[in-house]
Amino acid sequence: MLARIFKPAQNAMQSGKAATTRWVLEYEPEIPLKVDPLMGYTSSADMRQQVHLEFETKTEAIAYAERNGIPYRVLPDNERTPKKVSYSDNFRFGRPQPWTH
């Protein structure tokens, strides 16, 4: 019944940060997923896998877990490091590779 507290990663398909501002508490799966032989669906009898709690800060999530006696593990926050990209560098004189179409 170990829970993990983490900040979700940014969506790879979009540049916005809308879903990455909150901290999430989820339970780690205790029972492995089973594959249905007829339809190919995956299922589990573990109902705690459906619990997904969101908090404004990491301290709120930790306080909730401690208040309810839930053992938890805090995963490190993976902050995005933006790269400096300049459009004019594509056309500069001393470019290592010549610009082509």
N, C-alpha and C. Protein backbone atom coordinates (compact mmCIF):
# COMPACT_ATOMS: atom_id res chain seq x y z
N MET A 1 0.82 -1.19 0.00
CA MET A 1 0.00 0.00 0.00
C MET A 1 0.87 1.25 0.00
N LEU A 2 1.96 1.19 -0.68
CA LEU A 2 2.87 2.32 -0.77
C LEU A 2 2.32 3.33 -1.79
N ALA A 3 2.32 4.59 -1.40
CA ALA A 3 1.86 5.65 -2.31
C ALA A 3 3.06 6.41 -2.82
N ARG A 4 2.93 6.98 -4.00
CA ARG A 4 3.99 7.82 -4.53
C ARG A 4 3.44 9.22 -4.74
N ILE A 5 4.26 10.19 -4.37
CA ILE A 5 3.91 11.60 -4.51
C ILE A 5 4.85 12.18 -5.54
N PHE A 6 4.29 12.77 -6.59
CA PHE A 6 5.12 13.29 -7.68
C PHE A 6 4.42 14.45 -8.37
N LYS A 7 5.20 15.15 -9.14
CA LYS A 7 4.68 16.22 -9.98
C LYS A 7 4.67 15.67 -11.40
N PRO A 8 3.50 15.63 -12.08
CA PRO A 8 3.44 15.00 -13.40
C PRO A 8 4.29 15.73 -14.43
N ALA A 9 4.76 14.97 -15.39
CA ALA A 9 5.59 15.52 -16.46
C ALA A 9 4.72 16.28 -17.45
N GLN A 10 5.38 17.13 -18.19
CA GLN A 10 4.69 17.91 -19.21
C GLN A 10 4.28 17.00 -20.36
N ASN A 11 3.13 17.29 -20.95
CA ASN A 11 2.65 16.52 -22.08
C ASN A 11 3.61 16.69 -23.25
N ALA A 12 3.99 15.58 -23.86
CA ALA A 12 4.95 15.64 -24.96
C ALA A 12 4.35 16.23 -26.23
N MET A 13 3.04 16.27 -26.32
CA MET A 13 2.38 16.73 -27.54
C MET A 13 2.11 18.24 -27.54
N GLN A 14 2.24 18.90 -26.39
CA GLN A 14 1.93 20.32 -26.33
C GLN A 14 2.98 21.04 -25.52
N SER A 15 3.09 22.34 -25.71
CA SER A 15 4.11 23.10 -25.01
C SER A 15 3.59 23.74 -23.72
N GLY A 16 2.29 23.66 -23.46
CA GLY A 16 1.73 24.28 -22.27
C GLY A 16 2.06 23.53 -21.00
N LYS A 17 1.92 24.22 -19.86
CA LYS A 17 2.24 23.63 -18.56
C LYS A 17 1.00 23.50 -17.68
N ALA A 18 -0.17 23.38 -18.26
CA ALA A 18 -1.42 23.42 -17.49
C ALA A 18 -1.54 22.29 -16.49
N ALA A 19 -1.20 21.08 -16.84
CA ALA A 19 -1.40 19.93 -15.95
C ALA A 19 -0.17 19.62 -15.11
N THR A 20 0.83 20.48 -15.09
CA THR A 20 2.06 20.18 -14.37
C THR A 20 2.26 21.04 -13.14
N THR A 21 1.25 21.78 -12.71
CA THR A 21 1.43 22.68 -11.57
C THR A 21 1.07 22.03 -10.25
N ARG A 22 0.35 20.93 -10.26
CA ARG A 22 -0.09 20.29 -9.03
C ARG A 22 0.71 19.04 -8.73
N TRP A 23 0.69 18.64 -7.47
CA TRP A 23 1.34 17.41 -7.02
C TRP A 23 0.29 16.31 -6.93
N VAL A 24 0.66 15.08 -7.26
CA VAL A 24 -0.27 13.96 -7.34
C VAL A 24 0.14 12.87 -6.35
N LEU A 25 -0.85 12.28 -5.67
CA LEU A 25 -0.63 11.12 -4.83
C LEU A 25 -1.36 9.94 -5.46
N GLU A 26 -0.60 8.91 -5.82
CA GLU A 26 -1.17 7.69 -6.40
C GLU A 26 -0.58 6.49 -5.68
N TYR A 27 -1.35 5.42 -5.63
CA TYR A 27 -0.86 4.18 -5.04
C TYR A 27 -0.11 3.37 -6.08
N GLU A 28 0.98 2.73 -5.65
CA GLU A 28 1.69 1.83 -6.55
C GLU A 28 0.91 0.53 -6.65
N PRO A 29 0.90 -0.11 -7.81
CA PRO A 29 0.11 -1.34 -7.98
C PRO A 29 0.65 -2.48 -7.13
N GLU A 30 -0.25 -3.17 -6.43
CA GLU A 30 0.13 -4.33 -5.62
C GLU A 30 -0.05 -5.63 -6.38
N ILE A 31 -1.02 -5.65 -7.28
CA ILE A 31 -1.32 -6.85 -8.06
C ILE A 31 -0.99 -6.55 -9.52
N PRO A 32 -0.28 -7.45 -10.20
CA PRO A 32 0.02 -7.17 -11.62
C PRO A 32 -1.23 -7.20 -12.48
N LEU A 33 -1.18 -6.49 -13.60
CA LEU A 33 -2.30 -6.45 -14.52
C LEU A 33 -2.47 -7.80 -15.21
N LYS A 34 -3.72 -8.17 -15.47
CA LYS A 34 -4.02 -9.40 -16.20
C LYS A 34 -4.56 -9.03 -17.57
N VAL A 35 -4.22 -9.83 -18.57
CA VAL A 35 -4.71 -9.61 -19.92
C VAL A 35 -5.87 -10.56 -20.17
N ASP A 36 -6.99 -10.02 -20.60
CA ASP A 36 -8.15 -10.84 -20.93
C ASP A 36 -7.85 -11.60 -22.23
N PRO A 37 -7.96 -12.94 -22.24
CA PRO A 37 -7.58 -13.68 -23.43
C PRO A 37 -8.51 -13.45 -24.62
N LEU A 38 -9.77 -13.12 -24.38
CA LEU A 38 -10.71 -12.95 -25.48
C LEU A 38 -10.57 -11.58 -26.16
N MET A 39 -10.63 -10.52 -25.36
CA MET A 39 -10.64 -9.17 -25.92
C MET A 39 -9.27 -8.48 -25.91
N GLY A 40 -8.35 -8.95 -25.06
CA GLY A 40 -7.04 -8.33 -24.98
C GLY A 40 -6.99 -7.14 -24.04
N TYR A 41 -8.07 -6.87 -23.29
CA TYR A 41 -8.08 -5.78 -22.33
C TYR A 41 -7.20 -6.13 -21.13
N THR A 42 -6.62 -5.12 -20.51
CA THR A 42 -5.88 -5.34 -19.27
C THR A 42 -6.76 -4.90 -18.12
N SER A 43 -6.73 -5.70 -17.04
CA SER A 43 -7.55 -5.38 -15.88
C SER A 43 -6.80 -5.79 -14.62
N SER A 44 -7.30 -5.32 -13.49
CA SER A 44 -6.70 -5.63 -12.21
C SER A 44 -7.79 -5.64 -11.15
N ALA A 45 -7.57 -6.41 -10.09
CA ALA A 45 -8.50 -6.44 -8.98
C ALA A 45 -8.11 -5.42 -7.91
N ASP A 46 -7.05 -4.68 -8.13
CA ASP A 46 -6.56 -3.70 -7.17
C ASP A 46 -7.33 -2.39 -7.35
N MET A 47 -8.21 -2.09 -6.41
CA MET A 47 -9.05 -0.89 -6.52
C MET A 47 -8.30 0.39 -6.18
N ARG A 48 -7.18 0.28 -5.47
CA ARG A 48 -6.43 1.49 -5.10
C ARG A 48 -5.75 2.12 -6.31
N GLN A 49 -5.62 1.38 -7.39
CA GLN A 49 -5.01 1.93 -8.60
C GLN A 49 -5.84 3.07 -9.18
N GLN A 50 -7.11 3.13 -8.83
CA GLN A 50 -7.99 4.15 -9.37
C GLN A 50 -7.93 5.46 -8.60
N VAL A 51 -7.28 5.47 -7.43
CA VAL A 51 -7.21 6.66 -6.60
C VAL A 51 -6.13 7.59 -7.16
N HIS A 52 -6.52 8.82 -7.43
CA HIS A 52 -5.63 9.84 -7.99
C HIS A 52 -5.98 11.16 -7.30
N LEU A 53 -5.19 11.55 -6.30
CA LEU A 53 -5.46 12.77 -5.55
C LEU A 53 -4.48 13.86 -5.97
N GLU A 54 -4.99 15.08 -6.15
CA GLU A 54 -4.17 16.21 -6.55
C GLU A 54 -4.09 17.22 -5.41
N PHE A 55 -2.90 17.81 -5.23
CA PHE A 55 -2.66 18.79 -4.18
C PHE A 55 -1.94 19.99 -4.78
N GLU A 56 -2.10 21.14 -4.14
CA GLU A 56 -1.46 22.36 -4.62
C GLU A 56 0.05 22.32 -4.40
N THR A 57 0.50 21.80 -3.25
CA THR A 57 1.92 21.77 -2.94
C THR A 57 2.34 20.37 -2.49
N LYS A 58 3.65 20.16 -2.49
CA LYS A 58 4.19 18.88 -2.04
C LYS A 58 3.95 18.69 -0.55
N THR A 59 4.05 19.77 0.24
CA THR A 59 3.85 19.64 1.68
C THR A 59 2.41 19.24 2.02
N GLU A 60 1.44 19.70 1.24
CA GLU A 60 0.06 19.28 1.47
C GLU A 60 -0.12 17.80 1.20
N ALA A 61 0.51 17.29 0.16
CA ALA A 61 0.41 15.87 -0.16
C ALA A 61 1.07 15.02 0.91
N ILE A 62 2.23 15.45 1.41
CA ILE A 62 2.92 14.72 2.46
C ILE A 62 2.12 14.76 3.75
N ALA A 63 1.54 15.91 4.07
CA ALA A 63 0.73 16.03 5.28
C ALA A 63 -0.49 15.13 5.21
N TYR A 64 -1.13 15.03 4.05
CA TYR A 64 -2.29 14.15 3.89
C TYR A 64 -1.90 12.70 4.12
N ALA A 65 -0.76 12.29 3.53
CA ALA A 65 -0.31 10.90 3.69
C ALA A 65 0.02 10.59 5.14
N GLU A 66 0.68 11.50 5.83
CA GLU A 66 1.04 11.27 7.23
C GLU A 66 -0.20 11.30 8.12
N ARG A 67 -1.14 12.18 7.83
CA ARG A 67 -2.36 12.28 8.64
C ARG A 67 -3.21 11.01 8.54
N ASN A 68 -3.20 10.36 7.37
CA ASN A 68 -3.99 9.15 7.17
C ASN A 68 -3.18 7.87 7.33
N GLY A 69 -1.92 7.97 7.73
CA GLY A 69 -1.10 6.80 7.97
C GLY A 69 -0.74 6.03 6.70
N ILE A 70 -0.57 6.72 5.61
CA ILE A 70 -0.23 6.09 4.34
C ILE A 70 1.28 6.16 4.15
N PRO A 71 1.95 5.02 3.99
CA PRO A 71 3.39 5.08 3.68
C PRO A 71 3.58 5.64 2.27
N TYR A 72 4.53 6.54 2.11
CA TYR A 72 4.67 7.23 0.84
C TYR A 72 6.14 7.31 0.43
N ARG A 73 6.34 7.63 -0.84
CA ARG A 73 7.66 7.86 -1.41
C ARG A 73 7.53 9.10 -2.28
N VAL A 74 8.40 10.08 -2.08
CA VAL A 74 8.35 11.32 -2.86
C VAL A 74 9.35 11.19 -4.01
N LEU A 75 8.85 11.31 -5.23
CA LEU A 75 9.71 11.26 -6.41
C LEU A 75 10.24 12.67 -6.69
N PRO A 76 11.46 12.78 -7.19
CA PRO A 76 12.03 14.12 -7.43
C PRO A 76 11.27 14.87 -8.51
N ASP A 77 11.25 16.18 -8.34
CA ASP A 77 10.58 17.06 -9.29
C ASP A 77 11.47 17.25 -10.51
N ASN A 78 10.95 16.93 -11.68
CA ASN A 78 11.71 17.09 -12.92
C ASN A 78 11.30 18.38 -13.59
N GLU A 79 12.02 19.44 -13.26
CA GLU A 79 11.73 20.74 -13.87
C GLU A 79 12.31 20.77 -15.27
N ARG A 80 11.58 21.39 -16.16
CA ARG A 80 12.02 21.52 -17.55
C ARG A 80 13.08 22.60 -17.65
N THR A 81 14.15 22.31 -18.38
CA THR A 81 15.20 23.30 -18.61
C THR A 81 15.10 23.77 -20.06
N PRO A 82 14.55 24.95 -20.27
CA PRO A 82 14.39 25.43 -21.65
C PRO A 82 15.74 25.73 -22.30
N LYS A 83 15.83 25.42 -23.57
CA LYS A 83 17.03 25.68 -24.34
C LYS A 83 16.90 27.04 -25.03
N LYS A 84 17.98 27.77 -25.07
CA LYS A 84 17.96 29.05 -25.78
C LYS A 84 18.12 28.76 -27.25
N VAL A 85 17.12 29.11 -28.02
CA VAL A 85 17.13 28.89 -29.46
C VAL A 85 16.88 30.22 -30.14
N SER A 86 17.73 30.53 -31.08
CA SER A 86 17.59 31.77 -31.82
C SER A 86 17.38 31.43 -33.30
N TYR A 87 16.35 31.97 -33.86
CA TYR A 87 16.05 31.71 -35.27
C TYR A 87 17.15 32.26 -36.17
N SER A 88 17.75 33.37 -35.79
CA SER A 88 18.78 33.98 -36.63
C SER A 88 20.05 33.14 -36.68
N ASP A 89 20.26 32.24 -35.70
CA ASP A 89 21.43 31.37 -35.74
C ASP A 89 21.39 30.40 -36.91
N ASN A 90 20.23 30.16 -37.48
CA ASN A 90 20.14 29.29 -38.65
C ASN A 90 20.83 29.90 -39.87
N PHE A 91 20.97 31.20 -39.90
CA PHE A 91 21.51 31.90 -41.07
C PHE A 91 22.80 32.64 -40.79
N ARG A 92 23.43 32.42 -39.65
CA ARG A 92 24.65 33.16 -39.32
C ARG A 92 25.82 32.73 -40.21
N PHE A 93 26.82 33.60 -40.30
CA PHE A 93 27.92 33.40 -41.23
C PHE A 93 28.81 32.21 -40.83
N GLY A 94 29.18 32.10 -39.58
CA GLY A 94 30.13 31.07 -39.16
C GLY A 94 29.46 29.77 -38.74
N ARG A 95 28.35 29.43 -39.34
CA ARG A 95 27.63 28.22 -38.99
C ARG A 95 28.45 26.98 -39.36
N PRO A 96 28.51 25.96 -38.47
CA PRO A 96 29.34 24.78 -38.76
C PRO A 96 28.84 23.98 -39.97
N GLN A 97 27.55 23.93 -40.18
CA GLN A 97 26.98 23.23 -41.33
C GLN A 97 26.33 24.25 -42.25
N PRO A 98 26.51 24.15 -43.55
CA PRO A 98 25.84 25.10 -44.43
C PRO A 98 24.31 24.89 -44.42
N TRP A 99 23.59 25.98 -44.52
CA TRP A 99 22.13 25.90 -44.49
C TRP A 99 21.62 25.47 -45.86
N THR A 100 20.76 24.45 -45.88
CA THR A 100 20.15 23.99 -47.14
C THR A 100 18.69 23.74 -46.90
N HIS A 101 17.97 23.55 -47.98
CA HIS A 101 16.54 23.27 -47.88
C HIS A 101 16.33 21.84 -47.56
